[in-house]
Amino acid sequence: TELALLLRAESLLLRNDANGALGELKPLTHEGPHGPKAAALAGRCLTALGLPQEAFRVFNASLAGDPNQVDAHRGLAALNYDLGVLP
């Protein structure tokens, strides 16, 4: 199920396997009920892989689906801080 894929992806990311986590997230659709959470998790994976532009795009897509997605807000804040946009 979608929830099981999300949990496996989160587990892989916590074990520093961002590529494996992204692989688990591929079957998920962003339109589904878990789409914004999946997108936020994908953004975290992309950040871990050193792809900030892609992560920024995916975090914004997550927020478009759910403006209350805390992980996406946190990810965008971290990216902006790392890029020197925030003090």
PDB file of N, CA and C in Angstrom:
ATOM      1  N   THR A   1       0.833  -1.183   0.000  1.00  0.00           N
ATOM      2  CA  THR A   1       0.000   0.000   0.000  1.00  0.00           C
ATOM      3  C   THR A   1       0.882   1.253   0.000  1.00  0.00           C
ATOM      4  N   GLU A   2       0.263   2.402  -0.235  1.00  0.00           N
ATOM      5  CA  GLU A   2       1.015   3.651  -0.267  1.00  0.00           C
ATOM      6  C   GLU A   2       1.663   3.962   1.075  1.00  0.00           C
ATOM      7  N   LEU A   3       0.947   3.706   2.137  1.00  0.00           N
ATOM      8  CA  LEU A   3       1.488   3.991   3.468  1.00  0.00           C
ATOM      9  C   LEU A   3       2.710   3.120   3.757  1.00  0.00           C
ATOM     10  N   ALA A   4       2.670   1.874   3.349  1.00  0.00           N
ATOM     11  CA  ALA A   4       3.815   0.984   3.559  1.00  0.00           C
ATOM     12  C   ALA A   4       5.036   1.482   2.778  1.00  0.00           C
ATOM     13  N   LEU A   5       4.811   1.966   1.553  1.00  0.00           N
ATOM     14  CA  LEU A   5       5.918   2.511   0.762  1.00  0.00           C
ATOM     15  C   LEU A   5       6.515   3.738   1.442  1.00  0.00           C
ATOM     16  N   LEU A   6       5.656   4.591   1.969  1.00  0.00           N
ATOM     17  CA  LEU A   6       6.141   5.776   2.684  1.00  0.00           C
ATOM     18  C   LEU A   6       6.990   5.396   3.891  1.00  0.00           C
ATOM     19  N   LEU A   7       6.509   4.431   4.655  1.00  0.00           N
ATOM     20  CA  LEU A   7       7.243   4.011   5.848  1.00  0.00           C
ATOM     21  C   LEU A   7       8.581   3.374   5.484  1.00  0.00           C
ATOM     22  N   ARG A   8       8.590   2.558   4.422  1.00  0.00           N
ATOM     23  CA  ARG A   8       9.860   1.952   3.981  1.00  0.00           C
ATOM     24  C   ARG A   8      10.832   3.033   3.509  1.00  0.00           C
ATOM     25  N   ALA A   9      10.312   4.007   2.760  1.00  0.00           N
ATOM     26  CA  ALA A   9      11.165   5.086   2.265  1.00  0.00           C
ATOM     27  C   ALA A   9      11.746   5.884   3.427  1.00  0.00           C
ATOM     28  N   GLU A  10      10.923   6.206   4.405  1.00  0.00           N
ATOM     29  CA  GLU A  10      11.405   6.964   5.562  1.00  0.00           C
ATOM     30  C   GLU A  10      12.471   6.166   6.317  1.00  0.00           C
ATOM     31  N   SER A  11      12.250   4.875   6.449  1.00  0.00           N
ATOM     32  CA  SER A  11      13.214   4.019   7.128  1.00  0.00           C
ATOM     33  C   SER A  11      14.551   3.997   6.380  1.00  0.00           C
ATOM     34  N   LEU A  12      14.487   3.897   5.060  1.00  0.00           N
ATOM     35  CA  LEU A  12      15.720   3.893   4.270  1.00  0.00           C
ATOM     36  C   LEU A  12      16.455   5.222   4.378  1.00  0.00           C
ATOM     37  N   LEU A  13      15.712   6.319   4.354  1.00  0.00           N
ATOM     38  CA  LEU A  13      16.354   7.628   4.475  1.00  0.00           C
ATOM     39  C   LEU A  13      17.027   7.778   5.834  1.00  0.00           C
ATOM     40  N   LEU A  14      16.381   7.281   6.877  1.00  0.00           N
ATOM     41  CA  LEU A  14      16.984   7.346   8.207  1.00  0.00           C
ATOM     42  C   LEU A  14      18.246   6.501   8.308  1.00  0.00           C
ATOM     43  N   ARG A  15      18.369   5.507   7.419  1.00  0.00           N
ATOM     44  CA  ARG A  15      19.576   4.680   7.372  1.00  0.00           C
ATOM     45  C   ARG A  15      20.560   5.189   6.320  1.00  0.00           C
ATOM     46  N   ASN A  16      20.382   6.459   5.912  1.00  0.00           N
ATOM     47  CA  ASN A  16      21.277   7.117   4.952  1.00  0.00           C
ATOM     48  C   ASN A  16      21.282   6.464   3.578  1.00  0.00           C
ATOM     49  N   ASP A  17      20.146   5.931   3.161  1.00  0.00           N
ATOM     50  CA  ASP A  17      20.005   5.361   1.821  1.00  0.00           C
ATOM     51  C   ASP A  17      18.966   6.180   1.050  1.00  0.00           C
ATOM     52  N   ALA A  18      19.366   7.395   0.661  1.00  0.00           N
ATOM     53  CA  ALA A  18      18.441   8.299  -0.030  1.00  0.00           C
ATOM     54  C   ALA A  18      18.034   7.743  -1.391  1.00  0.00           C
ATOM     55  N   ASN A  19      18.954   7.088  -2.096  1.00  0.00           N
ATOM     56  CA  ASN A  19      18.604   6.497  -3.395  1.00  0.00           C
ATOM     57  C   ASN A  19      17.561   5.396  -3.238  1.00  0.00           C
ATOM     58  N   GLY A  20      17.736   4.548  -2.245  1.00  0.00           N
ATOM     59  CA  GLY A  20      16.765   3.488  -1.986  1.00  0.00           C
ATOM     60  C   GLY A  20      15.409   4.055  -1.606  1.00  0.00           C
ATOM     61  N   ALA A  21      15.418   5.125  -0.811  1.00  0.00           N
ATOM     62  CA  ALA A  21      14.167   5.765  -0.404  1.00  0.00           C
ATOM     63  C   ALA A  21      13.439   6.338  -1.620  1.00  0.00           C
ATOM     64  N   LEU A  22      14.175   6.985  -2.514  1.00  0.00           N
ATOM     65  CA  LEU A  22      13.542   7.518  -3.730  1.00  0.00           C
ATOM     66  C   LEU A  22      12.940   6.397  -4.572  1.00  0.00           C
ATOM     67  N   GLY A  23      13.607   5.264  -4.606  1.00  0.00           N
ATOM     68  CA  GLY A  23      13.078   4.115  -5.337  1.00  0.00           C
ATOM     69  C   GLY A  23      11.746   3.638  -4.772  1.00  0.00           C
ATOM     70  N   GLU A  24      11.613   3.677  -3.458  1.00  0.00           N
ATOM     71  CA  GLU A  24      10.350   3.285  -2.822  1.00  0.00           C
ATOM     72  C   GLU A  24       9.243   4.289  -3.122  1.00  0.00           C
ATOM     73  N   LEU A  25       9.613   5.545  -3.310  1.00  0.00           N
ATOM     74  CA  LEU A  25       8.614   6.594  -3.527  1.00  0.00           C
ATOM     75  C   LEU A  25       8.124   6.681  -4.969  1.00  0.00           C
ATOM     76  N   LYS A  26       8.876   6.114  -5.913  1.00  0.00           N
ATOM     77  CA  LYS A  26       8.514   6.237  -7.331  1.00  0.00           C
ATOM     78  C   LYS A  26       7.093   5.800  -7.668  1.00  0.00           C
ATOM     79  N   PRO A  27       6.582   4.708  -7.114  1.00  0.00           N
ATOM     80  CA  PRO A  27       5.227   4.289  -7.488  1.00  0.00           C
ATOM     81  C   PRO A  27       4.107   5.187  -6.947  1.00  0.00           C
ATOM     82  N   LEU A  28       4.430   6.065  -6.008  1.00  0.00           N
ATOM     83  CA  LEU A  28       3.397   6.896  -5.401  1.00  0.00           C
ATOM     84  C   LEU A  28       3.019   8.044  -6.329  1.00  0.00           C
ATOM     85  N   THR A  29       1.741   8.361  -6.381  1.00  0.00           N
ATOM     86  CA  THR A  29       1.279   9.499  -7.160  1.00  0.00           C
ATOM     87  C   THR A  29       1.139  10.705  -6.254  1.00  0.00           C
ATOM     88  N   HIS A  30       1.443  11.863  -6.776  1.00  0.00           N
ATOM     89  CA  HIS A  30       1.359  13.074  -5.970  1.00  0.00           C
ATOM     90  C   HIS A  30      -0.077  13.538  -5.786  1.00  0.00           C
ATOM     91  N   GLU A  31      -1.007  12.965  -6.542  1.00  0.00           N
ATOM     92  CA  GLU A  31      -2.409  13.347  -6.405  1.00  0.00           C
ATOM     93  C   GLU A  31      -3.122  12.560  -5.309  1.00  0.00           C
ATOM     94  N   GLY A  32      -2.547  11.473  -4.879  1.00  0.00           N
ATOM     95  CA  GLY A  32      -3.182  10.627  -3.875  1.00  0.00           C
ATOM     96  C   GLY A  32      -3.168  11.271  -2.497  1.00  0.00           C
ATOM     97  N   PRO A  33      -3.792  10.605  -1.540  1.00  0.00           N
ATOM     98  CA  PRO A  33      -3.872  11.171  -0.189  1.00  0.00           C
ATOM     99  C   PRO A  33      -2.508  11.307   0.491  1.00  0.00           C
ATOM    100  N   HIS A  34      -1.548  10.509   0.079  1.00  0.00           N
ATOM    101  CA  HIS A  34      -0.215  10.569   0.682  1.00  0.00           C
ATOM    102  C   HIS A  34       0.775  11.314  -0.209  1.00  0.00           C
ATOM    103  N   GLY A  35       0.280  11.911  -1.289  1.00  0.00           N
ATOM    104  CA  GLY A  35       1.147  12.594  -2.243  1.00  0.00           C
ATOM    105  C   GLY A  35       1.993  13.705  -1.653  1.00  0.00           C
ATOM    106  N   PRO A  36       1.398  14.654  -0.913  1.00  0.00           N
ATOM    107  CA  PRO A  36       2.226  15.725  -0.344  1.00  0.00           C
ATOM    108  C   PRO A  36       3.292  15.211   0.626  1.00  0.00           C
ATOM    109  N   LYS A  37       2.958  14.208   1.415  1.00  0.00           N
ATOM    110  CA  LYS A  37       3.939  13.619   2.335  1.00  0.00           C
ATOM    111  C   LYS A  37       5.057  12.936   1.550  1.00  0.00           C
ATOM    112  N   ALA A  38       4.678  12.215   0.477  1.00  0.00           N
ATOM    113  CA  ALA A  38       5.669  11.545  -0.368  1.00  0.00           C
ATOM    114  C   ALA A  38       6.587  12.570  -1.028  1.00  0.00           C
ATOM    115  N   ALA A  39       6.020  13.680  -1.495  1.00  0.00           N
ATOM    116  CA  ALA A  39       6.828  14.714  -2.131  1.00  0.00           C
ATOM    117  C   ALA A  39       7.795  15.341  -1.125  1.00  0.00           C
ATOM    118  N   ALA A  40       7.328  15.590   0.091  1.00  0.00           N
ATOM    119  CA  ALA A  40       8.206  16.156   1.118  1.00  0.00           C
ATOM    120  C   ALA A  40       9.349  15.193   1.434  1.00  0.00           C
ATOM    121  N   LEU A  41       9.040  13.924   1.495  1.00  0.00           N
ATOM    122  CA  LEU A  41      10.070  12.916   1.760  1.00  0.00           C
ATOM    123  C   LEU A  41      11.053  12.836   0.591  1.00  0.00           C
ATOM    124  N   ALA A  42      10.540  12.935  -0.627  1.00  0.00           N
ATOM    125  CA  ALA A  42      11.415  12.950  -1.801  1.00  0.00           C
ATOM    126  C   ALA A  42      12.327  14.170  -1.769  1.00  0.00           C
ATOM    127  N   GLY A  43      11.795  15.298  -1.322  1.00  0.00           N
ATOM    128  CA  GLY A  43      12.621  16.498  -1.183  1.00  0.00           C
ATOM    129  C   GLY A  43      13.744  16.299  -0.186  1.00  0.00           C
ATOM    130  N   ARG A  44      13.453  15.623   0.913  1.00  0.00           N
ATOM    131  CA  ARG A  44      14.492  15.319   1.894  1.00  0.00           C
ATOM    132  C   ARG A  44      15.562  14.415   1.285  1.00  0.00           C
ATOM    133  N   CYS A  45      15.134  13.450   0.475  1.00  0.00           N
ATOM    134  CA  CYS A  45      16.087  12.555  -0.195  1.00  0.00           C
ATOM    135  C   CYS A  45      16.974  13.340  -1.155  1.00  0.00           C
ATOM    136  N   LEU A  46      16.363  14.206  -1.945  1.00  0.00           N
ATOM    137  CA  LEU A  46      17.125  15.000  -2.908  1.00  0.00           C
ATOM    138  C   LEU A  46      18.100  15.936  -2.204  1.00  0.00           C
ATOM    139  N   THR A  47      17.696  16.471  -1.068  1.00  0.00           N
ATOM    140  CA  THR A  47      18.599  17.311  -0.284  1.00  0.00           C
ATOM    141  C   THR A  47      19.789  16.487   0.190  1.00  0.00           C
ATOM    142  N   ALA A  48      19.525  15.284   0.677  1.00  0.00           N
ATOM    143  CA  ALA A  48      20.596  14.400   1.150  1.00  0.00           C
ATOM    144  C   ALA A  48      21.550  14.018   0.023  1.00  0.00           C
ATOM    145  N   LEU A  49      21.032  13.967  -1.202  1.00  0.00           N
ATOM    146  CA  LEU A  49      21.860  13.616  -2.359  1.00  0.00           C
ATOM    147  C   LEU A  49      22.587  14.820  -2.944  1.00  0.00           C
ATOM    148  N   GLY A  50      22.389  15.995  -2.345  1.00  0.00           N
ATOM    149  CA  GLY A  50      23.077  17.191  -2.824  1.00  0.00           C
ATOM    150  C   GLY A  50      22.453  17.797  -4.064  1.00  0.00           C
ATOM    151  N   LEU A  51      21.143  17.685  -4.199  1.00  0.00           N
ATOM    152  CA  LEU A  51      20.425  18.241  -5.350  1.00  0.00           C
ATOM    153  C   LEU A  51      19.421  19.294  -4.868  1.00  0.00           C
ATOM    154  N   PRO A  52      19.916  20.459  -4.432  1.00  0.00           N
ATOM    155  CA  PRO A  52      19.024  21.438  -3.816  1.00  0.00           C
ATOM    156  C   PRO A  52      17.961  22.018  -4.745  1.00  0.00           C
ATOM    157  N   GLN A  53      18.282  22.214  -6.029  1.00  0.00           N
ATOM    158  CA  GLN A  53      17.285  22.775  -6.946  1.00  0.00           C
ATOM    159  C   GLN A  53      16.107  21.828  -7.119  1.00  0.00           C
ATOM    160  N   GLU A  54      16.397  20.551  -7.290  1.00  0.00           N
ATOM    161  CA  GLU A  54      15.328  19.559  -7.420  1.00  0.00           C
ATOM    162  C   GLU A  54      14.535  19.454  -6.119  1.00  0.00           C
ATOM    163  N   ALA A  55      15.238  19.482  -4.999  1.00  0.00           N
ATOM    164  CA  ALA A  55      14.562  19.417  -3.702  1.00  0.00           C
ATOM    165  C   ALA A  55      13.635  20.612  -3.521  1.00  0.00           C
ATOM    166  N   PHE A  56      14.097  21.791  -3.901  1.00  0.00           N
ATOM    167  CA  PHE A  56      13.288  22.999  -3.792  1.00  0.00           C
ATOM    168  C   PHE A  56      11.994  22.849  -4.595  1.00  0.00           C
ATOM    169  N   ARG A  57      12.113  22.338  -5.819  1.00  0.00           N
ATOM    170  CA  ARG A  57      10.950  22.140  -6.687  1.00  0.00           C
ATOM    171  C   ARG A  57       9.966  21.147  -6.069  1.00  0.00           C
ATOM    172  N   VAL A  58      10.478  20.056  -5.519  1.00  0.00           N
ATOM    173  CA  VAL A  58       9.619  19.014  -4.953  1.00  0.00           C
ATOM    174  C   VAL A  58       8.966  19.477  -3.650  1.00  0.00           C
ATOM    175  N   PHE A  59       9.706  20.221  -2.829  1.00  0.00           N
ATOM    176  CA  PHE A  59       9.095  20.771  -1.613  1.00  0.00           C
ATOM    177  C   PHE A  59       7.941  21.704  -1.968  1.00  0.00           C
ATOM    178  N   ASN A  60       8.127  22.522  -2.997  1.00  0.00           N
ATOM    179  CA  ASN A  60       7.047  23.425  -3.419  1.00  0.00           C
ATOM    180  C   ASN A  60       5.847  22.647  -3.946  1.00  0.00           C
ATOM    181  N   ALA A  61       6.088  21.552  -4.654  1.00  0.00           N
ATOM    182  CA  ALA A  61       4.983  20.716  -5.125  1.00  0.00           C
ATOM    183  C   ALA A  61       4.227  20.109  -3.948  1.00  0.00           C
ATOM    184  N   SER A  62       4.957  19.720  -2.921  1.00  0.00           N
ATOM    185  CA  SER A  62       4.332  19.180  -1.718  1.00  0.00           C
ATOM    186  C   SER A  62       3.408  20.211  -1.086  1.00  0.00           C
ATOM    187  N   LEU A  63       3.884  21.441  -0.998  1.00  0.00           N
ATOM    188  CA  LEU A  63       3.087  22.506  -0.393  1.00  0.00           C
ATOM    189  C   LEU A  63       1.894  22.893  -1.257  1.00  0.00           C
ATOM    190  N   ALA A  64       2.002  22.718  -2.558  1.00  0.00           N
ATOM    191  CA  ALA A  64       0.864  22.981  -3.438  1.00  0.00           C
ATOM    192  C   ALA A  64      -0.259  21.987  -3.146  1.00  0.00           C
ATOM    193  N   GLY A  65       0.108  20.762  -2.799  1.00  0.00           N
ATOM    194  CA  GLY A  65      -0.878  19.737  -2.473  1.00  0.00           C
ATOM    195  C   GLY A  65      -1.418  19.851  -1.060  1.00  0.00           C
ATOM    196  N   ASP A  66      -0.573  20.316  -0.143  1.00  0.00           N
ATOM    197  CA  ASP A  66      -0.976  20.468   1.260  1.00  0.00           C
ATOM    198  C   ASP A  66      -0.163  21.595   1.878  1.00  0.00           C
ATOM    199  N   PRO A  67      -0.737  22.800   1.958  1.00  0.00           N
ATOM    200  CA  PRO A  67       0.006  23.939   2.501  1.00  0.00           C
ATOM    201  C   PRO A  67       0.445  23.762   3.952  1.00  0.00           C
ATOM    202  N   ASN A  68      -0.083  22.772   4.633  1.00  0.00           N
ATOM    203  CA  ASN A  68       0.278  22.518   6.029  1.00  0.00           C
ATOM    204  C   ASN A  68       1.332  21.422   6.184  1.00  0.00           C
ATOM    205  N   GLN A  69       1.962  21.014   5.094  1.00  0.00           N
ATOM    206  CA  GLN A  69       2.953  19.940   5.144  1.00  0.00           C
ATOM    207  C   GLN A  69       4.226  20.464   5.826  1.00  0.00           C
ATOM    208  N   VAL A  70       4.373  20.133   7.102  1.00  0.00           N
ATOM    209  CA  VAL A  70       5.452  20.677   7.929  1.00  0.00           C
ATOM    210  C   VAL A  70       6.828  20.284   7.404  1.00  0.00           C
ATOM    211  N   ASP A  71       6.998  19.045   6.961  1.00  0.00           N
ATOM    212  CA  ASP A  71       8.307  18.612   6.466  1.00  0.00           C
ATOM    213  C   ASP A  71       8.746  19.422   5.256  1.00  0.00           C
ATOM    214  N   ALA A  72       7.808  19.801   4.398  1.00  0.00           N
ATOM    215  CA  ALA A  72       8.146  20.610   3.229  1.00  0.00           C
ATOM    216  C   ALA A  72       8.559  22.016   3.659  1.00  0.00           C
ATOM    217  N   HIS A  73       7.841  22.606   4.601  1.00  0.00           N
ATOM    218  CA  HIS A  73       8.232  23.928   5.115  1.00  0.00           C
ATOM    219  C   HIS A  73       9.623  23.870   5.743  1.00  0.00           C
ATOM    220  N   ARG A  74       9.855  22.830   6.517  1.00  0.00           N
ATOM    221  CA  ARG A  74      11.152  22.670   7.181  1.00  0.00           C
ATOM    222  C   ARG A  74      12.265  22.496   6.148  1.00  0.00           C
ATOM    223  N   GLY A  75      12.002  21.706   5.113  1.00  0.00           N
ATOM    224  CA  GLY A  75      12.995  21.496   4.072  1.00  0.00           C
ATOM    225  C   GLY A  75      13.315  22.767   3.305  1.00  0.00           C
ATOM    226  N   LEU A  76      12.275  23.542   2.966  1.00  0.00           N
ATOM    227  CA  LEU A  76      12.500  24.813   2.265  1.00  0.00           C
ATOM    228  C   LEU A  76      13.280  25.790   3.141  1.00  0.00           C
ATOM    229  N   ALA A  77      12.949  25.826   4.417  1.00  0.00           N
ATOM    230  CA  ALA A  77      13.667  26.722   5.327  1.00  0.00           C
ATOM    231  C   ALA A  77      15.145  26.336   5.401  1.00  0.00           C
ATOM    232  N   ALA A  78      15.420  25.054   5.484  1.00  0.00           N
ATOM    233  CA  ALA A  78      16.812  24.591   5.552  1.00  0.00           C
ATOM    234  C   ALA A  78      17.557  24.924   4.264  1.00  0.00           C
ATOM    235  N   LEU A  79      16.913  24.703   3.123  1.00  0.00           N
ATOM    236  CA  LEU A  79      17.556  25.032   1.842  1.00  0.00           C
ATOM    237  C   LEU A  79      17.830  26.526   1.738  1.00  0.00           C
ATOM    238  N   ASN A  80      16.842  27.339   2.097  1.00  0.00           N
ATOM    239  CA  ASN A  80      17.036  28.787   2.031  1.00  0.00           C
ATOM    240  C   ASN A  80      18.145  29.251   2.969  1.00  0.00           C
ATOM    241  N   TYR A  81      18.210  28.666   4.139  1.00  0.00           N
ATOM    242  CA  TYR A  81      19.281  29.005   5.072  1.00  0.00           C
ATOM    243  C   TYR A  81      20.634  28.607   4.483  1.00  0.00           C
ATOM    244  N   ASP A  82      20.727  27.391   3.952  1.00  0.00           N
ATOM    245  CA  ASP A  82      21.995  26.924   3.384  1.00  0.00           C
ATOM    246  C   ASP A  82      22.447  27.770   2.204  1.00  0.00           C
ATOM    247  N   LEU A  83      21.477  28.301   1.454  1.00  0.00           N
ATOM    248  CA  LEU A  83      21.808  29.137   0.301  1.00  0.00           C
ATOM    249  C   LEU A  83      22.044  30.603   0.689  1.00  0.00           C
ATOM    250  N   GLY A  84      21.887  30.933   1.976  1.00  0.00           N
ATOM    251  CA  GLY A  84      22.130  32.274   2.448  1.00  0.00           C
ATOM    252  C   GLY A  84      20.967  33.228   2.259  1.00  0.00           C
ATOM    253  N   VAL A  85      19.786  32.696   1.945  1.00  0.00           N
ATOM    254  CA  VAL A  85      18.621  33.554   1.755  1.00  0.00           C
ATOM    255  C   VAL A  85      18.073  34.027   3.096  1.00  0.00           C
ATOM    256  N   LEU A  86      18.166  33.175   4.110  1.00  0.00           N
ATOM    257  CA  LEU A  86      17.708  33.527   5.453  1.00  0.00           C
ATOM    258  C   LEU A  86      18.908  33.925   6.306  1.00  0.00           C
ATOM    259  N   PRO A  87      18.708  34.830   7.256  1.00  0.00           N
ATOM    260  CA  PRO A  87      19.830  35.244   8.124  1.00  0.00           C
ATOM    261  C   PRO A  87      20.256  34.141   9.071  1.00  0.00           C
TER     262      PRO A  87
END
